C-alpha cells in the first residue's frame, strides 16, 4: 500500500501546496506507474 498525501509544485514565482490523499493498493510499483515510470 502506498499513499500520496500532498503535492508541492511551483506556479510562476510561487510555490503551491495541494492536499491530495490518493491511495494505491498495489504499493510502490503502482505509484511509479501513476507517474509514468516503467516498473
PDB file of N, CA and C in Angstrom:
ATOM      1  N   UNK A   1       0.841  -1.179   0.000  1.00  0.00           N
ATOM      2  CA  UNK A   1       0.000   0.000   0.000  1.00  0.00           C
ATOM      3  C   UNK A   1       0.883   1.238   0.000  1.00  0.00           C
ATOM      4  N   UNK A   2       0.549   2.200  -0.811  1.00  0.00           N
ATOM      5  CA  UNK A   2       1.258   3.484  -0.830  1.00  0.00           C
ATOM      6  C   UNK A   2       0.227   4.603  -0.909  1.00  0.00           C
ATOM      7  N   UNK A   3       0.671   5.797  -0.572  1.00  0.00           N
ATOM      8  CA  UNK A   3      -0.253   6.914  -0.446  1.00  0.00           C
ATOM      9  C   UNK A   3       0.417   8.213  -0.850  1.00  0.00           C
ATOM     10  N   UNK A   4      -0.290   9.018  -1.623  1.00  0.00           N
ATOM     11  CA  UNK A   4       0.131  10.390  -1.907  1.00  0.00           C
ATOM     12  C   UNK A   4      -0.691  11.282  -0.992  1.00  0.00           C
ATOM     13  N   UNK A   5      -0.030  11.999  -0.106  1.00  0.00           N
ATOM     14  CA  UNK A   5      -0.770  12.854   0.823  1.00  0.00           C
ATOM     15  C   UNK A   5      -0.812  14.308   0.366  1.00  0.00           C
ATOM     16  N   UNK A   6       0.183  14.730  -0.441  1.00  0.00           N
ATOM     17  CA  UNK A   6       0.217  16.126  -0.874  1.00  0.00           C
ATOM     18  C   UNK A   6       1.110  16.274  -2.101  1.00  0.00           C
ATOM     19  N   UNK A   7       0.931  17.368  -2.800  1.00  0.00           N
ATOM     20  CA  UNK A   7       1.796  17.737  -3.915  1.00  0.00           C
ATOM     21  C   UNK A   7       2.331  19.135  -3.656  1.00  0.00           C
ATOM     22  N   UNK A   8       3.609  19.309  -3.889  1.00  0.00           N
ATOM     23  CA  UNK A   8       4.260  20.605  -3.771  1.00  0.00           C
ATOM     24  C   UNK A   8       4.770  20.958  -5.163  1.00  0.00           C
ATOM     25  N   UNK A   9       4.324  22.100  -5.688  1.00  0.00           N
ATOM     26  CA  UNK A   9       4.700  22.463  -7.041  1.00  0.00           C
ATOM     27  C   UNK A   9       4.879  23.969  -7.148  1.00  0.00           C
ATOM     28  N   UNK A  10       5.537  24.377  -8.214  1.00  0.00           N
ATOM     29  CA  UNK A  10       5.794  25.792  -8.446  1.00  0.00           C
ATOM     30  C   UNK A  10       4.931  26.284  -9.597  1.00  0.00           C
ATOM     31  N   UNK A  11       4.272  27.418  -9.383  1.00  0.00           N
ATOM     32  CA  UNK A  11       3.458  28.062 -10.415  1.00  0.00           C
ATOM     33  C   UNK A  11       3.946  29.500 -10.518  1.00  0.00           C
ATOM     34  N   UNK A  12       4.622  29.798 -11.631  1.00  0.00           N
ATOM     35  CA  UNK A  12       5.230  31.118 -11.768  1.00  0.00           C
ATOM     36  C   UNK A  12       6.336  31.279 -10.735  1.00  0.00           C
ATOM     37  N   UNK A  13       6.254  32.339  -9.945  1.00  0.00           N
ATOM     38  CA  UNK A  13       7.245  32.582  -8.899  1.00  0.00           C
ATOM     39  C   UNK A  13       6.812  32.055  -7.543  1.00  0.00           C
ATOM     40  N   UNK A  14       5.647  31.417  -7.461  1.00  0.00           N
ATOM     41  CA  UNK A  14       5.107  30.942  -6.180  1.00  0.00           C
ATOM     42  C   UNK A  14       5.195  29.433  -6.055  1.00  0.00           C
ATOM     43  N   UNK A  15       5.406  28.963  -4.828  1.00  0.00           N
ATOM     44  CA  UNK A  15       5.300  27.546  -4.505  1.00  0.00           C
ATOM     45  C   UNK A  15       3.889  27.287  -4.003  1.00  0.00           C
ATOM     46  N   UNK A  16       3.286  26.214  -4.475  1.00  0.00           N
ATOM     47  CA  UNK A  16       1.923  25.853  -4.085  1.00  0.00           C
ATOM     48  C   UNK A  16       1.931  24.499  -3.383  1.00  0.00           C
ATOM     49  N   UNK A  17       0.990  24.311  -2.459  1.00  0.00           N
ATOM     50  CA  UNK A  17       0.810  23.059  -1.738  1.00  0.00           C
ATOM     51  C   UNK A  17      -0.619  22.602  -1.955  1.00  0.00           C
ATOM     52  N   UNK A  18      -0.781  21.347  -2.352  1.00  0.00           N
ATOM     53  CA  UNK A  18      -2.113  20.810  -2.615  1.00  0.00           C
ATOM     54  C   UNK A  18      -2.277  19.495  -1.858  1.00  0.00           C
ATOM     55  N   UNK A  19      -3.274  19.418  -0.987  1.00  0.00           N
ATOM     56  CA  UNK A  19      -3.587  18.168  -0.295  1.00  0.00           C
ATOM     57  C   UNK A  19      -4.240  17.214  -1.288  1.00  0.00           C
ATOM     58  N   UNK A  20      -3.800  15.955  -1.311  1.00  0.00           N
ATOM     59  CA  UNK A  20      -4.300  15.003  -2.298  1.00  0.00           C
ATOM     60  C   UNK A  20      -5.039  13.840  -1.638  1.00  0.00           C
ATOM     61  N   UNK A  21      -4.349  13.014  -0.882  1.00  0.00           N
ATOM     62  CA  UNK A  21      -4.972  11.871  -0.224  1.00  0.00           C
ATOM     63  C   UNK A  21      -5.399  10.771  -1.180  1.00  0.00           C
ATOM     64  N   UNK A  22      -4.490  10.313  -2.049  1.00  0.00           N
ATOM     65  CA  UNK A  22      -4.795   9.241  -3.005  1.00  0.00           C
ATOM     66  C   UNK A  22      -3.994   7.996  -2.634  1.00  0.00           C
ATOM     67  N   UNK A  23      -4.664   6.854  -2.563  1.00  0.00           N
ATOM     68  CA  UNK A  23      -4.009   5.611  -2.182  1.00  0.00           C
ATOM     69  C   UNK A  23      -3.880   4.639  -3.341  1.00  0.00           C
ATOM     70  N   UNK A  24      -2.896   3.739  -3.225  1.00  0.00           N
ATOM     71  CA  UNK A  24      -2.647   2.699  -4.221  1.00  0.00           C
ATOM     72  C   UNK A  24      -2.495   1.375  -3.489  1.00  0.00           C
ATOM     73  N   UNK A  25      -3.359   0.421  -3.761  1.00  0.00           N
ATOM     74  CA  UNK A  25      -3.330  -0.848  -3.035  1.00  0.00           C
ATOM     75  C   UNK A  25      -2.191  -1.756  -3.482  1.00  0.00           C
ATOM     76  N   UNK A  26      -1.633  -1.537  -4.674  1.00  0.00           N
ATOM     77  CA  UNK A  26      -0.559  -2.395  -5.180  1.00  0.00           C
ATOM     78  C   UNK A  26       0.831  -1.853  -4.871  1.00  0.00           C
ATOM     79  N   UNK A  27       0.942  -0.923  -3.969  1.00  0.00           N
ATOM     80  CA  UNK A  27       2.237  -0.466  -3.473  1.00  0.00           C
ATOM     81  C   UNK A  27       2.980   0.498  -4.378  1.00  0.00           C
ATOM     82  N   UNK A  28       4.309   0.518  -4.187  1.00  0.00           N
ATOM     83  CA  UNK A  28       5.145   1.491  -4.883  1.00  0.00           C
ATOM     84  C   UNK A  28       5.190   1.282  -6.389  1.00  0.00           C
ATOM     85  N   UNK A  29       5.038   0.045  -6.850  1.00  0.00           N
ATOM     86  CA  UNK A  29       5.031  -0.200  -8.294  1.00  0.00           C
ATOM     87  C   UNK A  29       3.870   0.533  -8.955  1.00  0.00           C
ATOM     88  N   UNK A  30       2.704   0.451  -8.367  1.00  0.00           N
ATOM     89  CA  UNK A  30       1.538   1.143  -8.926  1.00  0.00           C
ATOM     90  C   UNK A  30       1.719   2.655  -8.836  1.00  0.00           C
ATOM     91  N   UNK A  31       2.296   3.127  -7.754  1.00  0.00           N
ATOM     92  CA  UNK A  31       2.570   4.561  -7.610  1.00  0.00           C
ATOM     93  C   UNK A  31       3.540   5.027  -8.693  1.00  0.00           C
ATOM     94  N   UNK A  32       4.576   4.240  -8.959  1.00  0.00           N
ATOM     95  CA  UNK A  32       5.526   4.572 -10.019  1.00  0.00           C
ATOM     96  C   UNK A  32       4.869   4.630 -11.382  1.00  0.00           C
ATOM     97  N   UNK A  33       4.001   3.658 -11.674  1.00  0.00           N
ATOM     98  CA  UNK A  33       3.279   3.670 -12.955  1.00  0.00           C
ATOM     99  C   UNK A  33       2.375   4.888 -13.072  1.00  0.00           C
ATOM    100  N   UNK A  34       1.783   5.315 -11.966  1.00  0.00           N
ATOM    101  CA  UNK A  34       0.933   6.503 -11.959  1.00  0.00           C
ATOM    102  C   UNK A  34       1.717   7.724 -12.451  1.00  0.00           C
ATOM    103  N   UNK A  35       3.007   7.780 -12.100  1.00  0.00           N
ATOM    104  CA  UNK A  35       3.857   8.892 -12.513  1.00  0.00           C
ATOM    105  C   UNK A  35       4.632   8.603 -13.796  1.00  0.00           C
ATOM    106  N   UNK A  36       4.255   7.540 -14.508  1.00  0.00           N
ATOM    107  CA  UNK A  36       4.829   7.265 -15.817  1.00  0.00           C
ATOM    108  C   UNK A  36       6.126   6.475 -15.816  1.00  0.00           C
ATOM    109  N   UNK A  37       6.495   5.873 -14.692  1.00  0.00           N
ATOM    110  CA  UNK A  37       7.713   5.075 -14.649  1.00  0.00           C
ATOM    111  C   UNK A  37       7.442   3.679 -15.196  1.00  0.00           C
ATOM    112  N   UNK A  38       8.441   3.105 -15.836  1.00  0.00           N
ATOM    113  CA  UNK A  38       8.340   1.737 -16.332  1.00  0.00           C
ATOM    114  C   UNK A  38       8.832   0.810 -15.229  1.00  0.00           C
ATOM    115  N   UNK A  39       7.898   0.231 -14.486  1.00  0.00           N
ATOM    116  CA  UNK A  39       8.248  -0.594 -13.322  1.00  0.00           C
ATOM    117  C   UNK A  39       8.030  -2.048 -13.633  1.00  0.00           C
TER     118      UNK A  39
END
